[in-house]
Amino acid sequence: MNVITRFAPSPTGYLHIGGARTAIFNYLFAKKHSGKYLVRIEDTDKKRSSEKAIKAIHKGLNWLKVNSEYKIIYQSQNFNSHIKVAYELLEKGFAYKCFLNSDELEKLRIKSRENGIPIKSPWRNKKEQGKNQNKEFVIRLKMPSNGTTTIDDIVQGKVTVKNEILDDMVILRSDNTPTYMLSSVVDDNNMKITHIIRGDDHFNNAFRQIQIIKYLDWNIPYYAHIPLIHGTDGTKLSKRHGATSLFDYHNLGYTSEAMFSYLLQLGWSTKNDQDYFMDRATKLFALEKVNKSPAKFDLKKLNHINAKILNNMNVNDVYKLVIDKFKLSLSNEEQKRFKSLLPELVKRVQVYTDLEDEFDWLFQKNFFCKDKNFQSQLQKHNLMLKEIGSRLQKCEWTIESIKNCLNQYILQNSLTFKVIGPILRMALTGKTNSPDLVSIIYELGCTITANRLNYEY
């Protein structure tokens, strides 16, 4: 079989975490089977769809490296095809015109809810009368009234429902526009989709949509309905659990590799952590290994994965992420300083945007410690800082010489590194927690180090 999958987001909002994971699963399944992975923008809701959301979807897919290499399909361009199928179903007796007005429909809905029965319009078995020819109507699919429908879902297993519980869904609105329930099926058929991989919130739709496929004698695709992502408290993922828009995480300083790896872990199981990265996952991914229960989005775990990836990245790649994010313009000397300290700085953060806290002391020419509490301690040790600064100005500027200079001062003054270390860090960085002190002194250079140690607090 030539496997063809599709990711079909609606551009009524930005690409969210759940949608991004669905895209990854579709992408990996197609790649694993040397098939096609397509992207279809379901922009049929013109009032709520926006160009901004479409761009955000592509931006997010490009960031995760799971956009399609094929031409992007826009559902709204296929309206004529959808409408044609609606009238074909009508002509074959598998659909009917429903002339209910809004008040009549509301009464039917209330009755339907009260009795726990699906909506079946009284027009289902009526023949059109002349007086209704000019009235507005919708076209409803005529669901089978008896028997059962079974879907052998790759993730959920074999599930059967009684046809009598399926409502006669609208497939064409009164303004002659097709509904999602029709458009999605028609496009999947036209695109020759073999596997529909989507969230299990669409599982109920599948039992109704499959009737269209059967009525038209089309090929029935394989279904794989993935459980939704929940927050750590077990409720549906929302903003209170953190950002839900995928690209928000890019802006917060997460790497695409970390997000890809973590989203893949939300529902798919494998033994080796390295299997969650693109190159291995394209060889190993299997829908049969997708969990049936909802996954829980845990920001702490994402942070852990991101920190690990940052520490394993090439320093030049981390440097580029930071430079692009903060639009930094650095001199050659500042670039060298930053790259040299970056491996140590990265160990202290979980997201690379937190490195912004280091920019002031790293690159500020007239830097001084602005913390009032620290300033009082620096004032108290003013003489010691000047003495160390004076000694450093006379020593050879190598890591070993700087280390020896500090050790000699400690021994000669019966001090310990625990005493002078925090004070030196305050004067040089404005912090008590920073990378290796000797490395800081070496990279700042003799002149900058001496200036900072000689500052009058």
Protein backbone atom coordinates (compact mmCIF):
# COMPACT_ATOMS: atom_id res chain seq x y z
CA MET A 1 0.00 0.00 0.00
CA ASN A 2 1.18 3.52 -0.83
CA VAL A 3 0.60 5.17 2.55
CA ILE A 4 -0.77 8.73 2.47
CA THR A 5 -1.51 10.68 5.66
CA ARG A 6 -2.68 14.23 6.23
CA PHE A 7 -2.58 16.85 8.94
CA ALA A 8 -5.68 19.02 8.63
CA PRO A 9 -5.64 22.01 11.02
CA SER A 10 -8.34 24.66 11.13
CA PRO A 11 -6.94 28.23 10.85
CA THR A 12 -9.41 29.62 13.37
CA GLY A 13 -6.58 29.80 15.91
CA TYR A 14 -2.88 29.14 16.28
CA LEU A 15 -1.31 25.69 16.11
CA HIS A 16 -1.72 24.22 19.59
CA ILE A 17 0.17 21.48 21.42
CA GLY A 18 -2.34 18.75 20.59
CA GLY A 19 -2.40 19.64 16.90
CA ALA A 20 1.39 19.70 16.75
CA ARG A 21 1.55 16.18 18.19
CA THR A 22 -1.03 14.98 15.63
CA ALA A 23 1.14 16.46 12.86
CA ILE A 24 4.19 14.62 14.23
CA PHE A 25 2.35 11.28 14.34
CA ASN A 26 1.08 11.71 10.76
CA TYR A 27 4.53 12.77 9.55
CA LEU A 28 6.36 9.87 11.21
CA PHE A 29 3.87 7.23 10.09
CA ALA A 30 4.13 8.35 6.46
CA LYS A 31 7.94 8.52 6.58
CA LYS A 32 8.22 5.13 8.28
CA HIS A 33 6.28 3.58 5.37
CA SER A 34 7.99 5.66 2.63
CA GLY A 35 4.64 7.31 1.94
CA LYS A 36 3.29 10.84 1.52
CA TYR A 37 2.52 13.29 4.31
CA LEU A 38 0.17 16.10 3.24
CA VAL A 39 -1.05 19.26 4.94
CA ARG A 40 -4.60 20.48 4.35
CA ILE A 41 -5.77 23.80 5.76
CA GLU A 42 -9.46 23.42 6.63
CA ASP A 43 -10.45 27.03 6.03
CA THR A 44 -14.13 26.50 5.30
CA ASP A 45 -15.20 28.71 8.22
CA LYS A 46 -14.46 32.02 6.51
CA LYS A 47 -15.71 34.14 9.41
CA ARG A 48 -13.27 32.64 11.93
CA SER A 49 -10.36 31.68 9.65
CA SER A 50 -7.50 34.15 9.33
CA GLU A 51 -4.37 34.57 7.24
CA LYS A 52 -2.45 35.23 10.45
CA ALA A 53 -3.45 31.82 11.84
CA ILE A 54 -2.50 30.10 8.57
CA LYS A 55 0.97 31.67 8.73
CA ALA A 56 1.30 30.64 12.38
CA ILE A 57 0.43 27.02 11.49
CA HIS A 58 3.15 26.90 8.84
CA LYS A 59 5.59 28.65 11.14
CA GLY A 60 4.98 26.05 13.85
CA LEU A 61 5.23 23.09 11.44
CA ASN A 62 8.44 24.50 9.95
CA TRP A 63 9.88 24.95 13.45
CA LEU A 64 9.19 21.30 14.28
CA LYS A 65 10.44 20.31 10.79
CA VAL A 66 7.17 18.48 10.02
CA ASN A 67 5.70 20.62 7.26
CA SER A 68 4.78 18.88 4.02
CA GLU A 69 7.14 18.80 1.08
CA TYR A 70 4.08 18.74 -1.20
CA LYS A 71 1.77 21.56 -2.23
CA ILE A 72 -0.42 22.76 0.66
CA ILE A 73 -4.12 22.09 0.08
CA TYR A 74 -6.75 24.66 1.04
CA GLN A 75 -10.16 23.12 1.64
CA SER A 76 -12.08 26.23 0.59
CA GLN A 77 -10.76 25.78 -2.96
CA ASN A 78 -12.60 22.45 -3.20
CA PHE A 79 -16.11 23.71 -2.41
CA ASN A 80 -17.50 22.79 -5.83
CA SER A 81 -16.36 19.22 -5.37
CA HIS A 82 -18.03 19.05 -1.93
CA ILE A 83 -21.31 20.50 -3.21
CA LYS A 84 -21.33 18.08 -6.14
CA VAL A 85 -21.06 15.13 -3.74
CA ALA A 86 -23.89 16.50 -1.56
CA TYR A 87 -26.23 16.56 -4.56
CA GLU A 88 -25.03 13.15 -5.69
CA LEU A 89 -26.05 11.76 -2.28
CA LEU A 90 -29.38 13.58 -2.60
CA GLU A 91 -30.00 12.15 -6.05
CA LYS A 92 -29.22 8.59 -4.90
CA GLY A 93 -31.64 8.87 -1.98
CA PHE A 94 -28.93 8.85 0.71
CA ALA A 95 -29.65 12.46 1.67
CA TYR A 96 -32.68 14.73 1.77
CA LYS A 97 -33.69 18.37 1.76
CA CYS A 98 -34.74 19.61 5.18
CA PHE A 99 -36.99 22.72 5.21
CA LEU A 100 -37.15 23.19 9.00
CA ASN A 101 -36.96 26.84 10.03
CA SER A 102 -34.88 27.91 13.05
CA ASP A 103 -37.80 27.71 15.53
CA GLU A 104 -38.82 24.25 14.35
CA LEU A 105 -35.24 23.05 14.52
CA GLU A 106 -34.82 24.35 18.08
CA LYS A 107 -37.97 22.51 19.20
CA LEU A 108 -36.63 19.34 17.58
CA ARG A 109 -33.31 19.76 19.39
CA ILE A 110 -35.04 20.20 22.76
CA LYS A 111 -37.17 17.11 22.14
CA SER A 112 -34.07 15.21 21.05
CA ARG A 113 -32.18 16.12 24.27
CA GLU A 114 -35.15 15.34 26.52
CA ASN A 115 -35.72 11.91 25.01
CA GLY A 116 -32.07 11.07 24.43
CA ILE A 117 -32.63 10.39 20.75
CA PRO A 118 -30.71 11.72 17.73
CA ILE A 119 -32.12 14.44 15.49
CA LYS A 120 -34.27 12.97 12.73
CA SER A 121 -36.03 15.64 10.71
CA PRO A 122 -39.68 15.05 9.76
CA TRP A 123 -38.56 15.85 6.20
CA ARG A 124 -36.51 12.64 6.17
CA ASN A 125 -39.39 10.67 4.62
CA LYS A 126 -41.39 13.51 3.04
CA LYS A 127 -41.50 14.30 -0.60
CA GLU A 128 -40.98 17.93 -1.62
CA GLN A 129 -44.15 19.87 -2.10
CA GLY A 130 -44.51 22.69 -4.59
CA LYS A 131 -44.98 25.36 -1.93
CA ASN A 132 -41.54 24.58 -0.49
CA GLN A 133 -39.64 24.98 -3.74
CA ASN A 134 -38.55 28.55 -2.93
CA LYS A 135 -37.94 28.00 0.78
CA GLU A 136 -34.48 27.74 2.25
CA PHE A 137 -33.29 24.23 2.99
CA VAL A 138 -30.29 22.28 4.18
CA ILE A 139 -29.25 18.88 2.93
CA ARG A 140 -29.02 16.20 5.61
CA LEU A 141 -27.43 12.78 5.31
CA LYS A 142 -29.97 9.99 5.78
CA MET A 143 -28.38 7.79 8.43
CA PRO A 144 -29.25 4.08 8.49
CA SER A 145 -31.99 3.54 11.05
CA ASN A 146 -31.03 0.02 12.07
CA GLY A 147 -28.00 -2.23 12.29
CA THR A 148 -24.55 -1.25 13.59
CA THR A 149 -21.38 0.44 12.41
CA THR A 150 -17.99 -0.93 13.46
CA ILE A 151 -14.64 0.80 13.20
CA ASP A 152 -11.50 -1.24 13.81
CA ASP A 153 -9.39 1.65 15.07
CA ILE A 154 -5.62 1.09 15.17
CA VAL A 155 -5.35 2.85 18.54
CA GLN A 156 -8.78 2.42 20.14
CA GLY A 157 -9.42 -1.13 18.92
CA LYS A 158 -12.68 -2.44 17.49
CA VAL A 159 -15.63 -0.23 18.48
CA THR A 160 -19.27 -0.74 17.46
CA VAL A 161 -22.20 1.68 17.70
CA LYS A 162 -25.88 1.23 16.92
CA ASN A 163 -26.89 3.21 13.85
CA GLU A 164 -30.08 4.33 15.53
CA ILE A 165 -28.08 6.71 17.75
CA LEU A 166 -26.57 8.57 14.78
CA ASP A 167 -28.26 11.86 13.87
CA ASP A 168 -29.02 12.97 10.33
CA MET A 169 -26.14 15.42 10.07
CA VAL A 170 -26.22 18.49 7.84
CA ILE A 171 -23.83 18.14 4.91
CA LEU A 172 -24.84 21.28 2.99
CA ARG A 173 -26.00 24.51 4.65
CA SER A 174 -28.83 26.71 3.46
CA ASP A 175 -26.31 29.13 1.90
CA ASN A 176 -25.01 26.24 -0.25
CA THR A 177 -21.74 25.90 1.70
CA PRO A 178 -20.59 22.41 2.73
CA THR A 179 -20.06 21.48 6.37
CA TYR A 180 -16.81 20.14 7.79
CA MET A 181 -18.41 16.69 8.15
CA LEU A 182 -18.82 16.46 4.37
CA SER A 183 -15.77 18.44 3.18
CA SER A 184 -13.34 16.42 5.25
CA VAL A 185 -14.57 13.10 3.82
CA VAL A 186 -14.60 14.31 0.22
CA ASP A 187 -11.11 15.79 0.45
CA ASP A 188 -9.73 12.67 2.13
CA ASN A 189 -11.08 10.62 -0.76
CA ASN A 190 -9.80 13.01 -3.44
CA MET A 191 -6.38 13.09 -1.78
CA LYS A 192 -6.38 9.26 -1.57
CA ILE A 193 -5.72 9.36 2.18
CA THR A 194 -5.08 5.83 3.44
CA HIS A 195 -4.75 6.52 7.18
CA ILE A 196 -6.66 9.15 9.16
CA ILE A 197 -4.66 9.90 12.30
CA ARG A 198 -6.34 12.49 14.52
CA GLY A 199 -7.49 13.26 18.07
CA ASP A 200 -10.10 11.00 19.64
CA ASP A 201 -12.45 13.97 19.97
CA HIS A 202 -13.21 13.15 16.31
CA PHE A 203 -13.99 9.49 16.99
CA ASN A 204 -17.77 10.10 17.17
CA ASN A 205 -17.55 11.94 13.85
CA ALA A 206 -15.97 8.90 12.23
CA PHE A 207 -19.08 6.77 12.75
CA ARG A 208 -21.17 9.35 10.92
CA GLN A 209 -18.63 10.25 8.24
CA ILE A 210 -18.04 6.62 7.32
CA GLN A 211 -21.67 6.44 6.14
CA ILE A 212 -20.85 8.89 3.34
CA ILE A 213 -17.95 6.66 2.28
CA LYS A 214 -20.15 3.56 2.28
CA TYR A 215 -23.00 5.23 0.36
CA LEU A 216 -20.58 6.31 -2.39
CA ASP A 217 -18.71 3.00 -2.40
CA TRP A 218 -15.37 4.70 -1.74
CA ASN A 219 -12.35 3.07 -0.11
CA ILE A 220 -12.63 3.17 3.68
CA PRO A 221 -9.40 4.52 5.20
CA TYR A 222 -7.73 3.12 8.29
CA TYR A 223 -8.50 5.12 11.43
CA ALA A 224 -6.24 5.90 14.38
CA HIS A 225 -7.82 8.15 17.00
CA ILE A 226 -5.28 9.45 19.51
CA PRO A 227 -6.26 10.28 23.11
CA LEU A 228 -6.12 13.98 23.93
CA ILE A 229 -3.43 15.68 25.99
CA HIS A 230 -4.38 16.64 29.54
CA GLY A 231 -2.72 18.79 32.18
CA THR A 232 -0.96 17.22 35.16
CA ASP A 233 -4.25 17.51 37.09
CA GLY A 234 -5.98 15.23 34.59
CA THR A 235 -8.18 17.92 33.03
CA LYS A 236 -8.16 19.00 29.39
CA LEU A 237 -5.04 21.02 28.57
CA SER A 238 -5.69 24.75 28.84
CA LYS A 239 -3.82 28.01 29.43
CA ARG A 240 -3.76 27.46 33.17
CA HIS A 241 -1.35 24.55 32.56
CA GLY A 242 0.99 26.81 30.58
CA ALA A 243 1.09 28.03 26.99
CA THR A 244 -1.06 26.00 24.60
CA SER A 245 0.06 27.66 21.35
CA LEU A 246 3.05 25.75 19.98
CA PHE A 247 5.05 28.78 18.88
CA ASP A 248 4.79 30.33 22.34
CA TYR A 249 7.30 27.69 23.41
CA HIS A 250 9.70 28.80 20.70
CA ASN A 251 9.43 32.35 22.02
CA LEU A 252 10.01 31.10 25.58
CA GLY A 253 13.35 29.59 24.59
CA TYR A 254 12.63 25.91 23.96
CA THR A 255 14.41 24.14 21.13
CA SER A 256 12.44 22.47 18.35
CA GLU A 257 14.29 19.21 19.09
CA ALA A 258 13.11 19.25 22.71
CA MET A 259 9.52 20.02 21.75
CA PHE A 260 9.48 17.33 19.04
CA SER A 261 10.97 14.76 21.42
CA TYR A 262 8.60 15.62 24.25
CA LEU A 263 5.43 15.69 22.13
CA LEU A 264 6.36 12.31 20.70
CA GLN A 265 6.61 10.96 24.25
CA LEU A 266 3.07 12.17 24.95
CA GLY A 267 1.36 9.03 23.80
CA TRP A 268 4.03 6.93 22.09
CA SER A 269 6.25 4.55 24.04
CA THR A 270 9.72 3.24 23.30
CA LYS A 271 12.56 1.96 25.47
CA ASN A 272 15.43 4.24 24.42
CA ASP A 273 15.30 8.02 24.93
CA GLN A 274 17.22 8.49 21.69
CA ASP A 275 14.29 6.93 19.82
CA TYR A 276 12.30 10.11 20.41
CA PHE A 277 14.46 12.10 18.01
CA MET A 278 13.60 12.55 14.33
CA ASP A 279 16.22 10.32 12.71
CA ARG A 280 15.38 7.26 14.84
CA ALA A 281 11.65 7.91 15.21
CA THR A 282 11.11 7.85 11.42
CA LYS A 283 12.39 4.25 11.47
CA LEU A 284 10.66 3.05 14.65
CA PHE A 285 7.32 4.85 14.98
CA ALA A 286 4.29 2.55 15.14
CA LEU A 287 0.64 3.46 15.73
CA GLU A 288 0.17 0.17 17.55
CA LYS A 289 2.41 1.54 20.31
CA VAL A 290 0.33 4.68 20.87
CA ASN A 291 -1.25 4.63 24.33
CA LYS A 292 -5.04 4.45 24.68
CA SER A 293 -5.19 6.71 27.74
CA PRO A 294 -4.74 10.51 27.67
CA ALA A 295 -1.18 11.81 27.98
CA LYS A 296 -0.32 14.40 30.63
CA PHE A 297 1.60 17.53 29.69
CA ASP A 298 4.26 18.11 32.34
CA LEU A 299 6.25 21.33 31.97
CA LYS A 300 8.94 20.06 34.37
CA LYS A 301 9.66 17.12 32.08
CA LEU A 302 9.80 19.39 29.03
CA ASN A 303 12.23 21.66 30.91
CA HIS A 304 14.42 18.68 31.78
CA ILE A 305 14.52 17.50 28.16
CA ASN A 306 15.23 21.01 26.89
CA ALA A 307 18.08 21.55 29.38
CA LYS A 308 19.63 18.24 28.40
CA ILE A 309 19.46 19.07 24.69
CA LEU A 310 20.91 22.56 25.21
CA ASN A 311 23.89 21.07 27.05
CA ASN A 312 24.51 18.57 24.25
CA MET A 313 24.23 21.13 21.45
CA ASN A 314 27.19 22.58 19.60
CA VAL A 315 28.11 25.90 21.23
CA ASN A 316 27.80 27.70 17.87
CA ASP A 317 24.20 26.49 17.48
CA VAL A 318 23.24 27.73 20.97
CA TYR A 319 25.05 30.99 20.24
CA LYS A 320 23.01 31.45 17.02
CA LEU A 321 19.72 30.77 18.87
CA VAL A 322 20.53 33.47 21.43
CA ILE A 323 21.83 36.01 18.90
CA ASP A 324 18.75 35.57 16.67
CA LYS A 325 16.36 35.74 19.61
CA PHE A 326 17.76 38.91 21.18
CA LYS A 327 19.07 40.54 17.98
CA LEU A 328 22.50 41.04 19.59
CA SER A 329 25.26 42.87 17.75
CA LEU A 330 28.58 41.92 19.34
CA SER A 331 32.17 42.86 18.63
CA ASN A 332 34.65 40.09 17.81
CA GLU A 333 35.99 40.27 21.36
CA GLU A 334 32.46 40.01 22.84
CA GLN A 335 31.61 37.09 20.55
CA LYS A 336 34.72 35.22 21.71
CA ARG A 337 33.91 35.96 25.36
CA PHE A 338 30.31 34.81 25.02
CA LYS A 339 31.16 31.59 23.17
CA SER A 340 33.88 30.73 25.69
CA LEU A 341 31.55 31.12 28.68
CA LEU A 342 28.45 29.72 26.95
CA PRO A 343 29.01 26.04 27.89
CA GLU A 344 29.15 27.05 31.57
CA LEU A 345 26.24 29.49 31.28
CA VAL A 346 24.01 26.91 29.57
CA LYS A 347 24.43 24.52 32.49
CA ARG A 348 22.57 27.03 34.65
CA VAL A 349 19.43 27.42 32.52
CA GLN A 350 16.61 25.24 31.21
CA VAL A 351 15.62 27.54 28.35
CA TYR A 352 18.06 29.64 26.36
CA THR A 353 16.03 32.84 26.84
CA ASP A 354 17.13 32.79 30.51
CA LEU A 355 20.64 33.61 29.27
CA GLU A 356 19.39 37.18 28.90
CA ASP A 357 20.27 37.69 32.57
CA GLU A 358 23.94 37.30 31.66
CA PHE A 359 24.07 40.00 28.99
CA ASP A 360 24.45 42.98 31.31
CA TRP A 361 27.58 41.82 33.12
CA LEU A 362 29.06 40.14 30.04
CA PHE A 363 28.82 43.05 27.62
CA GLN A 364 28.19 46.22 29.62
CA LYS A 365 31.29 48.42 29.35
CA ASN A 366 30.69 50.51 32.49
CA PHE A 367 29.23 47.68 34.54
CA PHE A 368 28.82 47.88 38.32
CA CYS A 369 26.78 45.80 40.77
CA LYS A 370 23.34 47.42 41.16
CA ASP A 371 22.06 45.19 43.98
CA LYS A 372 21.85 47.37 47.13
CA ASN A 373 22.46 44.43 49.49
CA PHE A 374 25.52 43.38 47.54
CA GLN A 375 26.83 46.95 47.37
CA SER A 376 27.16 47.16 51.16
CA GLN A 377 29.27 43.98 51.18
CA LEU A 378 31.40 45.24 48.30
CA GLN A 379 31.97 48.51 50.17
CA LYS A 380 33.06 46.54 53.23
CA HIS A 381 35.60 44.57 51.16
CA ASN A 382 36.68 47.48 48.99
CA LEU A 383 40.35 47.21 49.95
CA MET A 384 40.51 43.47 49.28
CA LEU A 385 38.99 43.92 45.81
CA LYS A 386 41.52 46.64 44.92
CA GLU A 387 44.42 44.53 46.16
CA ILE A 388 43.31 41.55 44.07
CA GLY A 389 42.78 43.84 41.06
CA SER A 390 46.27 45.25 41.44
CA ARG A 391 47.83 41.77 41.59
CA LEU A 392 45.87 40.57 38.57
CA GLN A 393 47.12 43.51 36.53
CA LYS A 394 50.70 42.34 37.10
CA CYS A 395 50.19 38.65 36.30
CA GLU A 396 50.50 36.87 32.96
CA TRP A 397 46.99 36.60 31.45
CA THR A 398 46.52 32.85 31.40
CA ILE A 399 44.05 30.62 33.26
CA GLU A 400 46.86 29.06 35.28
CA SER A 401 48.48 32.40 36.23
CA ILE A 402 45.14 33.91 37.31
CA LYS A 403 44.42 30.84 39.43
CA ASN A 404 47.87 31.03 41.05
CA CYS A 405 47.48 34.77 41.71
CA LEU A 406 44.18 34.22 43.58
CA ASN A 407 45.58 31.26 45.54
CA GLN A 408 48.64 33.27 46.64
CA TYR A 409 46.47 36.12 47.87
CA ILE A 410 44.30 33.67 49.84
CA LEU A 411 47.35 32.02 51.48
CA GLN A 412 49.13 35.29 52.29
CA ASN A 413 46.03 36.77 53.91
CA SER A 414 44.92 33.58 55.74
CA LEU A 415 41.63 33.57 53.87
CA THR A 416 39.60 30.87 52.10
CA PHE A 417 38.12 30.81 48.64
CA LYS A 418 34.65 30.68 50.24
CA VAL A 419 35.32 34.16 51.63
CA ILE A 420 36.69 35.91 48.55
CA GLY A 421 34.77 33.95 45.85
CA PRO A 422 31.28 35.41 46.42
CA ILE A 423 32.66 38.95 46.82
CA LEU A 424 34.61 38.73 43.58
CA ARG A 425 31.54 37.38 41.78
CA MET A 426 29.40 40.26 43.07
CA ALA A 427 31.92 42.80 41.81
CA LEU A 428 32.42 41.15 38.42
CA THR A 429 28.91 39.87 37.59
CA GLY A 430 26.46 41.36 40.10
CA LYS A 431 25.60 37.78 41.14
CA THR A 432 26.77 35.23 43.69
CA ASN A 433 25.95 32.36 41.36
CA SER A 434 27.90 32.37 38.10
CA PRO A 435 30.26 30.26 36.00
CA ASP A 436 33.78 29.37 37.11
CA LEU A 437 35.33 32.52 38.60
CA VAL A 438 38.77 32.10 37.00
CA SER A 439 37.11 31.64 33.57
CA ILE A 440 35.09 34.83 34.11
CA ILE A 441 38.21 36.83 34.99
CA TYR A 442 40.12 35.42 32.03
CA GLU A 443 37.34 36.11 29.51
CA LEU A 444 36.55 39.62 30.79
CA GLY A 445 40.20 40.49 30.29
CA CYS A 446 42.65 42.39 32.46
CA THR A 447 41.35 45.94 31.88
CA ILE A 448 37.63 45.18 32.42
CA THR A 449 38.37 43.01 35.47
CA ALA A 450 40.54 45.70 37.08
CA ASN A 451 37.96 48.43 36.40
CA ARG A 452 35.19 46.40 38.05
CA LEU A 453 37.29 45.50 41.08
CA ASN A 454 38.37 49.13 41.54
CA TYR A 455 34.83 50.55 41.38
CA GLU A 456 34.03 52.76 44.38
CA TYR A 457 30.82 51.61 46.08
